[in-house]
């Protein structure tokens, strides 16, 4: 369980919230630049902390592979049944 990527996600959420508050403050005609500064500081920090995580090659698309294998087995079983009926 890596703590650093979770902290990065937290910073991204805080930055996104601050950016939303900044936009809302502009819409209310009382622009609060502090929200923008917080967003500018926390969003890149969040991306840096999250880093580049790559899924293991074996785990990627594993559910699709399982579904494909089940469909292939079903097709083979149907083919075998039809073959047995014919002859």
N, C-alpha and C. Protein backbone atom coordinates (compact mmCIF):
# COMPACT_ATOMS: atom_id res chain seq x y z
N UNK A 1 0.85 -1.17 0.00
CA UNK A 1 0.00 0.00 0.00
C UNK A 1 0.89 1.23 0.00
N UNK A 2 0.93 1.91 -1.12
CA UNK A 2 1.78 3.10 -1.23
C UNK A 2 1.04 4.32 -0.72
N UNK A 3 1.67 5.03 0.17
CA UNK A 3 1.06 6.23 0.75
C UNK A 3 1.24 7.44 -0.15
N UNK A 4 2.37 7.54 -0.83
CA UNK A 4 2.67 8.72 -1.64
C UNK A 4 1.63 8.94 -2.75
N UNK A 5 1.23 7.91 -3.53
CA UNK A 5 0.20 8.14 -4.54
C UNK A 5 -1.14 8.58 -3.94
N UNK A 6 -1.43 8.10 -2.76
CA UNK A 6 -2.68 8.50 -2.10
C UNK A 6 -2.63 9.97 -1.70
N UNK A 7 -1.47 10.42 -1.24
CA UNK A 7 -1.30 11.83 -0.91
C UNK A 7 -1.43 12.67 -2.18
N UNK A 8 -0.90 12.18 -3.28
CA UNK A 8 -1.03 12.87 -4.55
C UNK A 8 -2.49 13.00 -4.97
N UNK A 9 -3.26 11.94 -4.77
CA UNK A 9 -4.69 12.00 -5.08
C UNK A 9 -5.39 13.03 -4.20
N UNK A 10 -5.00 13.08 -2.94
CA UNK A 10 -5.57 14.07 -2.02
C UNK A 10 -5.28 15.48 -2.52
N UNK A 11 -4.05 15.74 -2.92
CA UNK A 11 -3.70 17.07 -3.43
C UNK A 11 -4.48 17.41 -4.70
N UNK A 12 -4.69 16.41 -5.55
CA UNK A 12 -5.48 16.66 -6.76
C UNK A 12 -6.92 17.03 -6.40
N UNK A 13 -7.48 16.35 -5.43
CA UNK A 13 -8.85 16.67 -5.01
C UNK A 13 -8.94 18.06 -4.40
N UNK A 14 -7.97 18.39 -3.55
CA UNK A 14 -7.97 19.71 -2.92
C UNK A 14 -7.80 20.79 -3.99
N UNK A 15 -6.90 20.59 -4.93
CA UNK A 15 -6.67 21.56 -5.99
C UNK A 15 -7.88 21.73 -6.88
N UNK A 16 -8.55 20.63 -7.20
CA UNK A 16 -9.76 20.71 -8.02
C UNK A 16 -10.86 21.45 -7.28
N UNK A 17 -10.99 21.18 -5.99
CA UNK A 17 -11.98 21.91 -5.18
C UNK A 17 -11.67 23.39 -5.10
N UNK A 18 -10.41 23.73 -4.92
CA UNK A 18 -10.02 25.14 -4.87
C UNK A 18 -10.28 25.83 -6.20
N UNK A 19 -10.02 25.13 -7.29
CA UNK A 19 -10.29 25.70 -8.61
C UNK A 19 -11.79 25.93 -8.80
N UNK A 20 -12.59 24.98 -8.34
CA UNK A 20 -14.05 25.14 -8.44
C UNK A 20 -14.51 26.33 -7.60
N UNK A 21 -13.94 26.47 -6.39
CA UNK A 21 -14.30 27.61 -5.54
C UNK A 21 -13.89 28.93 -6.19
N UNK A 22 -12.75 28.93 -6.86
CA UNK A 22 -12.31 30.14 -7.55
C UNK A 22 -13.30 30.52 -8.66
N UNK A 23 -13.73 29.52 -9.44
CA UNK A 23 -14.69 29.79 -10.50
C UNK A 23 -16.00 30.30 -9.92
N UNK A 24 -16.44 29.69 -8.82
CA UNK A 24 -17.68 30.15 -8.18
C UNK A 24 -17.52 31.56 -7.63
N UNK A 25 -16.35 31.89 -7.11
CA UNK A 25 -16.15 33.25 -6.59
C UNK A 25 -16.16 34.27 -7.72
N UNK A 26 -15.66 33.89 -8.89
CA UNK A 26 -15.73 34.79 -10.05
C UNK A 26 -17.20 34.99 -10.45
N UNK A 27 -17.96 33.90 -10.44
CA UNK A 27 -19.37 34.01 -10.82
C UNK A 27 -20.14 34.88 -9.83
N UNK A 28 -19.68 34.92 -8.58
CA UNK A 28 -20.31 35.75 -7.57
C UNK A 28 -19.79 37.18 -7.55
N UNK A 29 -18.96 37.52 -8.52
CA UNK A 29 -18.40 38.87 -8.67
C UNK A 29 -17.53 39.29 -7.48
N UNK A 30 -16.93 38.31 -6.79
CA UNK A 30 -15.97 38.60 -5.72
C UNK A 30 -14.81 37.63 -5.87
N UNK A 31 -14.01 37.84 -6.88
CA UNK A 31 -12.92 36.91 -7.19
C UNK A 31 -11.95 36.80 -6.03
N UNK A 32 -11.74 35.58 -5.56
CA UNK A 32 -10.80 35.31 -4.48
C UNK A 32 -9.59 34.60 -5.09
N UNK A 33 -8.50 35.33 -5.25
CA UNK A 33 -7.32 34.82 -5.93
C UNK A 33 -6.62 33.75 -5.10
N UNK A 34 -6.85 33.72 -3.82
CA UNK A 34 -6.22 32.71 -2.96
C UNK A 34 -6.61 31.30 -3.41
N UNK A 35 -7.88 31.11 -3.82
CA UNK A 35 -8.31 29.81 -4.31
C UNK A 35 -7.52 29.41 -5.56
N UNK A 36 -7.30 30.36 -6.44
CA UNK A 36 -6.53 30.08 -7.66
C UNK A 36 -5.09 29.71 -7.31
N UNK A 37 -4.50 30.42 -6.37
CA UNK A 37 -3.12 30.11 -5.99
C UNK A 37 -3.01 28.73 -5.35
N UNK A 38 -3.98 28.38 -4.53
CA UNK A 38 -3.98 27.05 -3.91
C UNK A 38 -4.10 25.99 -5.00
N UNK A 39 -4.98 26.22 -5.97
CA UNK A 39 -5.15 25.25 -7.06
C UNK A 39 -3.88 25.12 -7.88
N UNK A 40 -3.25 26.26 -8.17
CA UNK A 40 -2.01 26.24 -8.96
C UNK A 40 -0.91 25.49 -8.22
N UNK A 41 -0.90 25.56 -6.90
CA UNK A 41 0.15 24.88 -6.12
C UNK A 41 -0.14 23.40 -5.93
N UNK A 42 -1.40 23.03 -5.69
CA UNK A 42 -1.69 21.65 -5.29
C UNK A 42 -1.91 20.70 -6.46
N UNK A 43 -2.45 21.18 -7.56
CA UNK A 43 -2.71 20.26 -8.68
C UNK A 43 -1.41 19.70 -9.27
N UNK A 44 -0.41 20.53 -9.60
CA UNK A 44 0.85 19.92 -10.09
C UNK A 44 1.54 19.06 -9.04
N UNK A 45 1.45 19.48 -7.77
CA UNK A 45 2.05 18.67 -6.70
C UNK A 45 1.39 17.29 -6.64
N UNK A 46 0.07 17.27 -6.81
CA UNK A 46 -0.64 15.99 -6.83
C UNK A 46 -0.20 15.10 -7.96
N UNK A 47 -0.02 15.69 -9.15
CA UNK A 47 0.44 14.88 -10.28
C UNK A 47 1.86 14.37 -10.05
N UNK A 48 2.70 15.17 -9.44
CA UNK A 48 4.07 14.74 -9.16
C UNK A 48 4.07 13.58 -8.16
N UNK A 49 3.27 13.70 -7.10
CA UNK A 49 3.24 12.65 -6.09
C UNK A 49 2.63 11.36 -6.61
N UNK A 50 1.64 11.48 -7.48
CA UNK A 50 1.02 10.26 -8.01
C UNK A 50 1.98 9.49 -8.89
N UNK A 51 2.78 10.20 -9.65
CA UNK A 51 3.76 9.54 -10.51
C UNK A 51 3.09 8.75 -11.61
N UNK A 52 3.91 7.96 -12.27
CA UNK A 52 3.39 7.12 -13.35
C UNK A 52 3.28 5.70 -12.84
N UNK A 53 2.05 5.29 -12.66
CA UNK A 53 1.81 3.91 -12.23
C UNK A 53 1.36 3.12 -13.44
N UNK A 54 2.02 2.01 -13.69
CA UNK A 54 1.64 1.16 -14.81
C UNK A 54 1.14 -0.16 -14.26
N UNK A 55 0.06 -0.61 -14.82
CA UNK A 55 -0.47 -1.90 -14.43
C UNK A 55 0.46 -2.99 -14.95
N UNK A 56 0.53 -4.05 -14.20
CA UNK A 56 1.33 -5.19 -14.64
C UNK A 56 0.73 -5.72 -15.95
N UNK A 57 1.57 -6.16 -16.83
CA UNK A 57 1.11 -6.59 -18.15
C UNK A 57 0.10 -7.73 -18.03
N UNK A 58 0.28 -8.60 -17.05
CA UNK A 58 -0.62 -9.73 -16.90
C UNK A 58 -1.99 -9.29 -16.40
N UNK A 59 -2.05 -8.24 -15.62
CA UNK A 59 -3.32 -7.78 -15.06
C UNK A 59 -4.12 -6.94 -16.04
N UNK A 60 -3.46 -6.36 -16.98
CA UNK A 60 -4.15 -5.46 -17.91
C UNK A 60 -5.10 -6.25 -18.80
N UNK A 61 -6.33 -5.82 -18.86
CA UNK A 61 -7.38 -6.43 -19.67
C UNK A 61 -7.64 -7.88 -19.28
N UNK A 62 -7.42 -8.25 -18.04
CA UNK A 62 -7.62 -9.64 -17.64
C UNK A 62 -9.09 -10.04 -17.72
N UNK A 63 -10.00 -9.14 -17.38
CA UNK A 63 -11.43 -9.49 -17.46
C UNK A 63 -11.86 -9.71 -18.90
N UNK A 64 -11.32 -8.91 -19.81
CA UNK A 64 -11.64 -9.12 -21.23
C UNK A 64 -11.09 -10.45 -21.74
N UNK A 65 -9.90 -10.79 -21.28
CA UNK A 65 -9.34 -12.08 -21.69
C UNK A 65 -10.19 -13.24 -21.20
N UNK A 66 -10.66 -13.14 -19.95
CA UNK A 66 -11.51 -14.21 -19.40
C UNK A 66 -12.80 -14.34 -20.18
N UNK A 67 -13.42 -13.19 -20.50
CA UNK A 67 -14.66 -13.23 -21.27
C UNK A 67 -14.42 -13.82 -22.65
N UNK A 68 -13.32 -13.44 -23.26
CA UNK A 68 -12.99 -13.96 -24.59
C UNK A 68 -12.76 -15.46 -24.54
N UNK A 69 -12.09 -15.93 -23.51
CA UNK A 69 -11.82 -17.36 -23.38
C UNK A 69 -13.13 -18.13 -23.16
N UNK A 70 -14.04 -17.61 -22.35
CA UNK A 70 -15.34 -18.26 -22.14
C UNK A 70 -16.13 -18.33 -23.44
N UNK A 71 -16.13 -17.23 -24.19
CA UNK A 71 -16.85 -17.23 -25.47
C UNK A 71 -16.24 -18.23 -26.44
N UNK A 72 -14.94 -18.34 -26.44
CA UNK A 72 -14.26 -19.29 -27.32
C UNK A 72 -14.64 -20.72 -26.94
N UNK A 73 -14.69 -21.01 -25.64
CA UNK A 73 -15.07 -22.35 -25.19
C UNK A 73 -16.52 -22.66 -25.56
N UNK A 74 -17.41 -21.68 -25.39
CA UNK A 74 -18.82 -21.89 -25.75
C UNK A 74 -18.97 -22.16 -27.25
N UNK A 75 -18.25 -21.39 -28.07
CA UNK A 75 -18.32 -21.60 -29.51
C UNK A 75 -17.82 -23.00 -29.88
N UNK A 76 -16.74 -23.42 -29.22
CA UNK A 76 -16.18 -24.74 -29.49
C UNK A 76 -17.17 -25.83 -29.07
N UNK A 77 -17.83 -25.65 -27.92
CA UNK A 77 -18.82 -26.64 -27.47
C UNK A 77 -19.99 -26.71 -28.43
N UNK A 78 -20.48 -25.56 -28.91
CA UNK A 78 -21.58 -25.56 -29.89
C UNK A 78 -21.16 -26.25 -31.18
N UNK A 79 -19.95 -25.95 -31.61
CA UNK A 79 -19.44 -26.57 -32.83
C UNK A 79 -19.36 -28.09 -32.66
N UNK A 80 -18.88 -28.54 -31.51
CA UNK A 80 -18.77 -29.98 -31.26
C UNK A 80 -20.14 -30.64 -31.22
N UNK A 81 -21.15 -29.97 -30.59
CA UNK A 81 -22.49 -30.52 -30.54
C UNK A 81 -23.11 -30.64 -31.94
N UNK A 82 -22.93 -29.60 -32.74
CA UNK A 82 -23.46 -29.65 -34.11
C UNK A 82 -22.76 -30.71 -34.93
N UNK A 83 -21.50 -30.89 -34.71
CA UNK A 83 -20.75 -31.91 -35.43
C UNK A 83 -21.24 -33.30 -35.06
N UNK A 84 -21.54 -33.53 -33.76
CA UNK A 84 -22.02 -34.81 -33.29
C UNK A 84 -23.43 -35.11 -33.82
N UNK A 85 -24.25 -34.08 -34.00
CA UNK A 85 -25.61 -34.27 -34.51
C UNK A 85 -25.57 -34.72 -35.97
N UNK A 86 -24.69 -34.14 -36.74
CA UNK A 86 -24.63 -34.40 -38.17
C UNK A 86 -24.04 -35.77 -38.50
N UNK A 87 -23.17 -36.19 -37.65
CA UNK A 87 -22.58 -37.44 -38.06
C UNK A 87 -21.83 -38.16 -37.07
